[in-house]
Protein backbone atom coordinates (compact mmCIF):
# COMPACT_ATOMS: atom_id res chain seq x y z
CA UNK A 1 -10.88 2.82 -2.40
CA UNK A 2 -9.83 3.70 1.13
CA UNK A 3 -12.51 3.57 3.77
CA UNK A 4 -13.25 6.65 5.82
CA UNK A 5 -11.62 5.02 8.87
CA UNK A 6 -8.41 4.28 6.91
CA UNK A 7 -8.33 7.86 5.63
CA UNK A 8 -8.77 9.30 9.14
CA UNK A 9 -6.05 6.97 10.46
CA UNK A 10 -3.67 8.12 7.71
CA UNK A 11 -4.37 11.76 8.58
CA UNK A 12 -3.83 11.12 12.30
CA UNK A 13 -0.65 9.05 11.95
CA UNK A 14 0.76 10.81 8.85
CA UNK A 15 1.34 7.38 7.28
CA UNK A 16 -0.70 6.15 4.32
CA UNK A 17 -0.70 2.61 2.96
CA UNK A 18 -1.77 1.68 -0.57
CA UNK A 19 -2.36 -1.92 -1.66
CA UNK A 20 -3.53 -2.24 -5.25
CA UNK A 21 -5.47 1.03 -4.93
CA UNK A 22 -3.64 3.30 -7.37
CA UNK A 23 -2.56 0.48 -9.68
CA UNK A 24 -3.25 -3.22 -9.47
CA UNK A 25 -0.07 -5.11 -8.54
CA UNK A 26 1.60 -2.21 -6.76
CA UNK A 27 1.67 -1.14 -3.14
CA UNK A 28 3.40 1.35 -0.95
CA UNK A 29 3.61 3.29 2.25
CA UNK A 30 4.21 7.04 2.48
CA UNK A 31 4.58 9.88 4.92
CA UNK A 32 4.43 13.56 4.03
CA UNK A 33 5.15 16.97 5.48
CA UNK A 34 4.35 20.58 4.71
CA UNK A 35 7.39 22.35 3.30
CA UNK A 36 5.69 25.74 3.06
CA UNK A 37 2.19 27.11 2.56
CA UNK A 38 2.09 25.90 -1.05
CA UNK A 39 4.26 22.76 -1.08
CA UNK A 40 3.69 19.35 0.51
CA UNK A 41 6.49 16.76 0.12
CA UNK A 42 6.24 12.98 0.63
CA UNK A 43 8.65 10.11 1.14
CA UNK A 44 7.39 6.74 -0.04
CA UNK A 45 8.48 3.12 -0.21
CA UNK A 46 6.73 1.18 -2.95
CA UNK A 47 6.99 -1.78 -5.25
CA UNK A 48 5.22 -4.83 -6.58
CA UNK A 49 2.58 -6.22 -4.22
CA UNK A 50 3.94 -9.77 -4.57
CA UNK A 51 7.20 -8.74 -2.86
CA UNK A 52 5.51 -7.33 0.27
CA UNK A 53 4.21 -10.06 2.59
CA UNK A 54 1.26 -9.39 4.92
CA UNK A 55 1.88 -6.59 7.42
CA UNK A 56 5.20 -5.58 5.82
CA UNK A 57 3.85 -2.18 4.79
CA UNK A 58 2.64 -1.59 8.35
CA UNK A 59 6.15 -2.46 9.58
CA UNK A 60 7.63 0.03 7.10
CA UNK A 61 5.30 2.86 8.17
CA UNK A 62 7.64 4.11 10.92
CA UNK A 63 10.57 3.92 8.47
CA UNK A 64 8.74 6.09 5.92
CA UNK A 65 7.80 8.54 8.66
CA UNK A 66 11.39 8.76 9.95
CA UNK A 67 12.72 9.25 6.42
CA UNK A 68 10.19 12.04 5.80
CA UNK A 69 11.37 13.76 9.00
CA UNK A 70 15.01 13.43 7.90
CA UNK A 71 14.17 14.69 4.41
CA UNK A 72 12.39 17.73 5.87
CA UNK A 73 15.39 18.48 8.13
CA UNK A 74 17.73 18.24 5.13
CA UNK A 75 15.54 20.49 2.99
CA UNK A 76 15.12 22.97 5.86
CA UNK A 77 18.92 23.09 6.23
CA UNK A 78 19.44 23.63 2.50
CA UNK A 79 16.82 26.39 2.53
CA UNK A 80 18.52 28.07 5.49
CA UNK A 81 21.90 27.93 3.74
CA UNK A 82 20.34 29.41 0.59
CA UNK A 83 18.88 32.31 2.62
CA UNK A 84 22.27 32.99 4.26
CA UNK A 85 24.01 33.24 0.86
CA UNK A 86 21.55 35.88 -0.40
């Protein structure tokens, strides 16, 4: 279970790390964004814990965050194109 400090850090940085918390033997790092008032979308990198050496998830945090930003920009562009066609 995440500690309160880890949870607050994830909220502040918009990057969450999971090591054997959801399922034993798996880990991941994720970043999310609000798409609209009802939809939150996340980008994550995950896999088997044995393949992620110490601190690797922390190193991948900025990558997950950048990919979430790019995904949001892509989805925003697709949404804008959809509105134009209507």
